[in-house]
Amino acid sequence: MKLRIFIVIVAVVLAWVAGRSIKSGGESIIHSAQQGGDAHGGETAREGEPSRGGSERRINESYELADGARVDVHGINGPVTVEAVDGNTAEISVTSTAKSMSDLNSNRIIVEHTASSLVVRGKGGKGGGFWKWLRGGGGGEVRHNVVLKLPRRVELVARGINGRVNVGEMEGSAQVSGVNGRVEIGGARGFAEVNGVNGGVALTIRELNENGLKVNGVNGSVELRLGSDVNADVNINGVNGHMTVEAPNVEVQEQKRDKLRARIGTGGANIKVNGVNGGVRLVGV
């Protein structure tokens, strides 16, 4: 049992490191910091009250994205919220706070955009992210709060996030990895994959394509919320916690202490869950 818990924790750390180390190309769009607010969007910075973090920088941008565009969010030291919207306009809102402007400048948020891709990434520097959190924090840390409004049909990748991740009901694929915080996906309709999470995971599944759903290496509970139109085969292995099936239209085929096989509806796409240090629940929505 202790070995399984250790493996899950190692998987979380390795997945987070992988998310931090991958770089993206493209043209960076970085606006000069200005004192005071900017009613027209762009990036602004101001000196705040020391008790509230000292300095703050805000980014407010919007871009047009083609259907199926890839959106990559990584290296963020703070929460990430993704709202699904109609149309093809993506809106980015980022608030970064630190004790000084020099700290903000050492860990900026970089935005890169083309018609088929959007990247929102942390530059790195003294912030330290996940490793600083392991050491208990300290001076020079920069915290980011990222809110994205994205067209429903984009393909989302979020990785290396030191904070919770909340994703709305997307029609494209969603891949989330290396997260130190709770992950919630409000409605997967295509392929979804969650790896290396130090926190609970909740996914609402409306329908799945042939690639199905994969959840691996979670140090927390997993809840799968199943829509009435879901047809899938479920394989759950390596669970250190209770497994419960509360959803209708689910036939349990095999259940042991740490594994479960079941069929949802008529079966079809694969739902695979592996390495969970917590309970697993299948519920209806």
Protein backbone atom coordinates (compact mmCIF):
# COMPACT_ATOMS: atom_id res chain seq x y z
CA MET A 1 0.00 0.00 0.00
CA LYS A 2 2.79 2.43 0.93
CA LEU A 3 4.57 1.57 -2.32
CA ARG A 4 1.43 2.42 -4.34
CA ILE A 5 1.06 5.78 -2.59
CA PHE A 6 4.74 6.53 -3.24
CA ILE A 7 4.32 5.67 -6.94
CA VAL A 8 1.34 8.02 -7.23
CA ILE A 9 3.26 10.90 -5.64
CA VAL A 10 6.27 10.30 -7.92
CA ALA A 11 3.93 10.28 -10.95
CA VAL A 12 2.51 13.64 -9.89
CA VAL A 13 5.97 15.22 -9.55
CA LEU A 14 7.31 13.78 -12.81
CA ALA A 15 4.24 14.87 -14.77
CA TRP A 16 4.55 18.38 -13.37
CA VAL A 17 8.25 18.57 -14.28
CA ALA A 18 7.42 17.41 -17.82
CA GLY A 19 4.84 20.14 -18.13
CA ARG A 20 7.36 22.77 -17.01
CA SER A 21 10.14 21.65 -19.32
CA ILE A 22 8.33 21.61 -22.69
CA LYS A 23 8.71 24.82 -24.69
CA SER A 24 6.43 26.29 -27.35
CA GLY A 25 7.46 28.31 -30.35
CA GLY A 26 5.70 31.15 -32.13
CA GLU A 27 5.75 34.90 -31.92
CA SER A 28 5.50 36.34 -28.43
CA ILE A 29 3.12 39.25 -27.84
CA ILE A 30 4.36 41.18 -24.83
CA HIS A 31 3.13 44.69 -24.05
CA SER A 32 5.22 47.22 -22.15
CA ALA A 33 4.25 47.71 -18.53
CA GLN A 34 2.64 51.06 -17.75
CA GLN A 35 1.89 52.78 -14.48
CA GLY A 36 -1.83 52.95 -13.78
CA GLY A 37 -4.74 51.26 -15.51
CA ASP A 38 -5.36 50.75 -19.20
CA ALA A 39 -8.99 50.85 -20.26
CA HIS A 40 -8.15 49.48 -23.71
CA GLY A 41 -6.78 46.13 -22.57
CA GLY A 42 -3.20 44.97 -23.02
CA GLU A 43 -0.78 44.50 -20.15
CA THR A 44 -0.61 46.98 -17.30
CA ALA A 45 1.39 47.11 -14.08
CA ARG A 46 0.97 49.18 -10.95
CA GLU A 47 2.41 49.49 -7.49
CA GLY A 48 -0.12 48.25 -4.97
CA GLU A 49 -0.34 48.26 -1.21
CA PRO A 50 2.43 46.13 0.36
CA SER A 51 -0.14 44.19 2.39
CA ARG A 52 -1.80 43.07 -0.85
CA GLY A 53 1.37 41.80 -2.52
CA GLY A 54 3.12 45.06 -3.47
CA SER A 55 2.83 44.99 -7.27
CA GLU A 56 0.33 43.77 -9.81
CA ARG A 57 0.31 43.26 -13.58
CA ARG A 58 -2.79 42.58 -15.66
CA ILE A 59 -3.19 41.20 -19.17
CA ASN A 60 -6.46 41.51 -21.07
CA GLU A 61 -6.34 40.36 -24.69
CA SER A 62 -8.63 38.82 -27.31
CA TYR A 63 -7.83 36.77 -30.42
CA GLU A 64 -9.65 34.95 -33.19
CA LEU A 65 -9.11 31.17 -33.33
CA ALA A 66 -10.06 28.69 -36.03
CA ASP A 67 -12.13 25.63 -35.20
CA GLY A 68 -9.86 22.91 -33.84
CA ALA A 69 -7.11 25.35 -32.81
CA ARG A 70 -4.76 24.15 -30.06
CA VAL A 71 -4.68 26.13 -26.82
CA ASP A 72 -1.68 25.37 -24.58
CA VAL A 73 -1.53 26.72 -21.02
CA HIS A 74 1.54 25.81 -18.97
CA GLY A 75 3.97 26.90 -16.28
CA ILE A 76 1.35 28.81 -14.26
CA ASN A 77 1.83 29.44 -10.54
CA GLY A 78 -1.83 29.87 -9.60
CA PRO A 79 -5.35 28.84 -10.61
CA VAL A 80 -6.51 28.43 -14.21
CA THR A 81 -10.18 28.83 -15.18
CA VAL A 82 -11.39 28.02 -18.70
CA GLU A 83 -14.90 29.07 -19.76
CA ALA A 84 -16.40 27.69 -22.98
CA VAL A 85 -18.07 30.30 -25.21
CA ASP A 86 -19.78 30.34 -28.58
CA GLY A 87 -18.08 31.88 -31.61
CA ASN A 88 -14.37 32.03 -32.47
CA THR A 89 -13.08 34.75 -30.15
CA ALA A 90 -10.75 33.81 -27.30
CA GLU A 91 -10.37 36.22 -24.38
CA ILE A 92 -7.41 36.16 -21.99
CA SER A 93 -7.43 37.72 -18.54
CA VAL A 94 -4.36 37.32 -16.31
CA THR A 95 -3.61 38.98 -12.99
CA SER A 96 -0.08 38.55 -11.63
CA THR A 97 0.92 39.68 -8.14
CA ALA A 98 4.27 39.86 -6.33
CA LYS A 99 6.08 41.90 -3.68
CA SER A 100 7.97 43.99 -6.21
CA MET A 101 8.10 44.93 -9.89
CA SER A 102 11.43 43.12 -10.26
CA ASP A 103 9.75 39.91 -9.12
CA LEU A 104 6.94 40.45 -11.64
CA ASN A 105 9.44 41.03 -14.43
CA SER A 106 11.31 37.81 -13.58
CA ASN A 107 8.18 35.67 -14.04
CA ARG A 108 6.01 37.18 -16.72
CA ILE A 109 3.16 35.55 -18.57
CA ILE A 110 3.93 35.15 -22.27
CA VAL A 111 1.14 35.00 -24.86
CA GLU A 112 1.80 33.56 -28.34
CA HIS A 113 -0.89 33.48 -31.00
CA THR A 114 -1.62 32.31 -34.53
CA ALA A 115 -4.96 31.50 -36.15
CA SER A 116 -4.50 27.82 -35.27
CA SER A 117 -2.82 28.08 -31.87
CA LEU A 118 -2.75 30.03 -28.63
CA VAL A 119 -0.09 29.64 -25.94
CA VAL A 120 -0.29 31.16 -22.46
CA ARG A 121 2.82 30.29 -20.47
CA GLY A 122 4.87 31.38 -17.50
CA LYS A 123 8.31 32.70 -18.34
CA GLY A 124 9.88 31.22 -15.18
CA GLY A 125 12.48 32.92 -13.07
CA LYS A 126 12.47 33.46 -9.34
CA GLY A 127 8.88 32.39 -8.80
CA GLY A 128 9.88 28.76 -8.28
CA GLY A 129 6.36 27.41 -8.84
CA PHE A 130 5.84 23.87 -7.63
CA TRP A 131 9.31 23.45 -6.11
CA LYS A 132 8.92 26.64 -4.09
CA TRP A 133 5.59 25.30 -2.83
CA LEU A 134 7.37 22.11 -1.70
CA ARG A 135 9.90 24.23 0.21
CA GLY A 136 7.17 26.26 1.88
CA GLY A 137 7.16 29.38 -0.29
CA GLY A 138 9.33 32.43 0.29
CA GLY A 139 10.18 35.86 -1.01
CA GLY A 140 10.06 36.65 -4.69
CA GLU A 141 7.13 34.37 -5.50
CA VAL A 142 4.83 35.53 -8.30
CA ARG A 143 1.24 34.32 -8.28
CA HIS A 144 -0.91 34.23 -11.41
CA ASN A 145 -4.68 34.05 -11.80
CA VAL A 146 -5.52 32.99 -15.36
CA VAL A 147 -9.05 33.17 -16.78
CA LEU A 148 -9.62 32.12 -20.40
CA LYS A 149 -12.82 32.33 -22.41
CA LEU A 150 -12.31 29.90 -25.27
CA PRO A 151 -14.37 28.77 -28.26
CA ARG A 152 -15.92 25.41 -27.50
CA ARG A 153 -14.32 23.64 -30.46
CA VAL A 154 -10.66 24.22 -29.58
CA GLU A 155 -8.28 21.51 -28.35
CA LEU A 156 -7.11 22.34 -24.82
CA VAL A 157 -3.82 21.36 -23.15
CA ALA A 158 -3.10 22.53 -19.58
CA ARG A 159 0.11 21.35 -17.90
CA GLY A 160 2.45 22.34 -15.11
CA ILE A 161 -0.15 24.25 -13.06
CA ASN A 162 0.48 25.03 -9.38
CA GLY A 163 -3.18 25.68 -8.55
CA ARG A 164 -6.65 24.40 -9.28
CA VAL A 165 -7.83 23.91 -12.89
CA ASN A 166 -11.49 24.41 -13.77
CA VAL A 167 -12.59 23.73 -17.37
CA GLY A 168 -16.07 24.34 -18.75
CA GLU A 169 -18.00 22.25 -21.26
CA MET A 170 -15.72 21.92 -24.28
CA GLU A 171 -16.48 20.11 -27.53
CA GLY A 172 -12.83 19.53 -28.44
CA SER A 173 -10.33 17.38 -26.55
CA ALA A 174 -9.03 18.33 -23.10
CA GLN A 175 -5.66 17.17 -21.74
CA VAL A 176 -4.61 18.20 -18.23
CA SER A 177 -1.36 17.09 -16.57
CA GLY A 178 1.00 18.01 -13.76
CA VAL A 179 -1.44 19.91 -11.53
CA ASN A 180 -0.97 20.74 -7.86
CA GLY A 181 -4.63 21.35 -7.07
CA ARG A 182 -8.14 20.16 -7.84
CA VAL A 183 -9.09 19.50 -11.48
CA GLU A 184 -12.67 19.81 -12.69
CA ILE A 185 -13.83 19.41 -16.28
CA GLY A 186 -17.44 20.45 -16.70
CA GLY A 187 -18.29 18.50 -19.83
CA ALA A 188 -16.03 16.29 -21.94
CA ARG A 189 -17.55 15.54 -25.37
CA GLY A 190 -14.47 14.29 -27.18
CA PHE A 191 -11.22 12.80 -25.89
CA ALA A 192 -10.16 13.71 -22.36
CA GLU A 193 -6.99 12.83 -20.44
CA VAL A 194 -5.90 13.76 -16.91
CA ASN A 195 -2.44 12.81 -15.59
CA GLY A 196 -0.42 13.55 -12.46
CA VAL A 197 -2.76 15.48 -10.18
CA ASN A 198 -2.10 16.27 -6.53
CA GLY A 199 -5.75 16.86 -5.66
CA GLY A 200 -9.24 15.65 -6.45
CA VAL A 201 -10.54 15.16 -9.99
CA ALA A 202 -14.13 15.56 -11.20
CA LEU A 203 -15.15 15.03 -14.84
CA THR A 204 -18.59 15.36 -16.38
CA ILE A 205 -18.86 13.10 -19.43
CA ARG A 206 -21.60 13.84 -21.96
CA GLU A 207 -20.29 11.67 -24.79
CA LEU A 208 -16.93 10.31 -25.90
CA ASN A 209 -15.26 9.69 -29.22
CA GLU A 210 -13.32 6.50 -30.01
CA ASN A 211 -10.29 7.72 -28.00
CA GLY A 212 -12.29 7.67 -24.77
CA LEU A 213 -11.09 8.95 -21.39
CA LYS A 214 -7.87 8.34 -19.42
CA VAL A 215 -7.13 9.29 -15.81
CA ASN A 216 -3.73 8.38 -14.35
CA GLY A 217 -1.77 9.17 -11.19
CA VAL A 218 -4.18 11.06 -8.93
CA ASN A 219 -3.39 11.80 -5.30
CA GLY A 220 -7.01 12.39 -4.34
CA SER A 221 -10.52 11.23 -5.13
CA VAL A 222 -11.90 10.79 -8.65
CA GLU A 223 -15.54 11.39 -9.56
CA LEU A 224 -16.89 10.55 -13.02
CA ARG A 225 -20.27 12.18 -13.71
CA LEU A 226 -21.95 10.27 -16.53
CA GLY A 227 -24.52 11.71 -18.91
CA SER A 228 -27.44 9.58 -20.08
CA ASP A 229 -26.04 9.26 -23.64
CA VAL A 230 -22.66 7.80 -22.61
CA ASN A 231 -21.79 4.35 -23.94
CA ALA A 232 -18.43 3.10 -22.74
CA ASP A 233 -16.40 0.29 -21.19
CA VAL A 234 -14.80 1.11 -17.84
CA ASN A 235 -11.52 -0.30 -16.51
CA ILE A 236 -10.31 0.97 -13.12
CA ASN A 237 -7.08 -0.33 -11.56
CA GLY A 238 -4.73 0.50 -8.69
CA VAL A 239 -7.17 2.32 -6.42
CA ASN A 240 -6.33 2.99 -2.78
CA GLY A 241 -9.86 3.80 -1.63
CA HIS A 242 -13.53 2.89 -1.96
CA MET A 243 -15.13 2.45 -5.39
CA THR A 244 -18.85 3.12 -5.72
CA VAL A 245 -21.22 2.98 -8.69
CA GLU A 246 -24.25 5.23 -8.26
CA ALA A 247 -25.00 5.98 -11.92
CA PRO A 248 -27.91 4.34 -13.76
CA ASN A 249 -27.35 2.24 -16.85
CA VAL A 250 -24.04 0.84 -15.51
CA GLU A 251 -23.43 -2.91 -15.37
CA VAL A 252 -20.62 -3.92 -13.01
CA GLN A 253 -18.82 -6.90 -14.57
CA GLU A 254 -16.03 -7.35 -12.03
CA GLN A 255 -15.13 -5.61 -8.78
CA LYS A 256 -12.26 -6.39 -6.43
CA ARG A 257 -10.48 -4.45 -3.71
CA ASP A 258 -8.52 -2.18 -6.05
CA LYS A 259 -10.07 -2.75 -9.49
CA LEU A 260 -13.40 -2.54 -11.27
CA ARG A 261 -14.70 -3.38 -14.72
CA ALA A 262 -18.08 -2.13 -15.90
CA ARG A 263 -20.13 -1.36 -19.00
CA ILE A 264 -22.01 1.89 -19.45
CA GLY A 265 -25.01 1.60 -21.76
CA THR A 266 -24.08 -0.53 -24.76
CA GLY A 267 -20.34 -0.10 -24.22
CA GLY A 268 -17.89 1.35 -26.70
CA ALA A 269 -15.21 3.93 -25.95
CA ASN A 270 -12.74 3.04 -23.19
CA ILE A 271 -12.69 4.82 -19.84
CA LYS A 272 -9.41 3.93 -18.10
CA VAL A 273 -8.54 5.00 -14.56
CA ASN A 274 -5.21 3.95 -13.03
CA GLY A 275 -3.24 4.79 -9.89
CA VAL A 276 -5.63 6.67 -7.61
CA ASN A 277 -4.74 7.38 -3.99
CA GLY A 278 -8.36 7.98 -2.98
CA GLY A 279 -11.88 6.86 -3.74
CA VAL A 280 -13.52 6.55 -7.17
CA ARG A 281 -17.21 7.27 -7.76
CA LEU A 282 -19.38 6.85 -10.86
CA VAL A 283 -22.48 9.02 -10.60
CA GLY A 284 -25.19 10.16 -12.99
CA VAL A 285 -25.92 13.73 -14.12
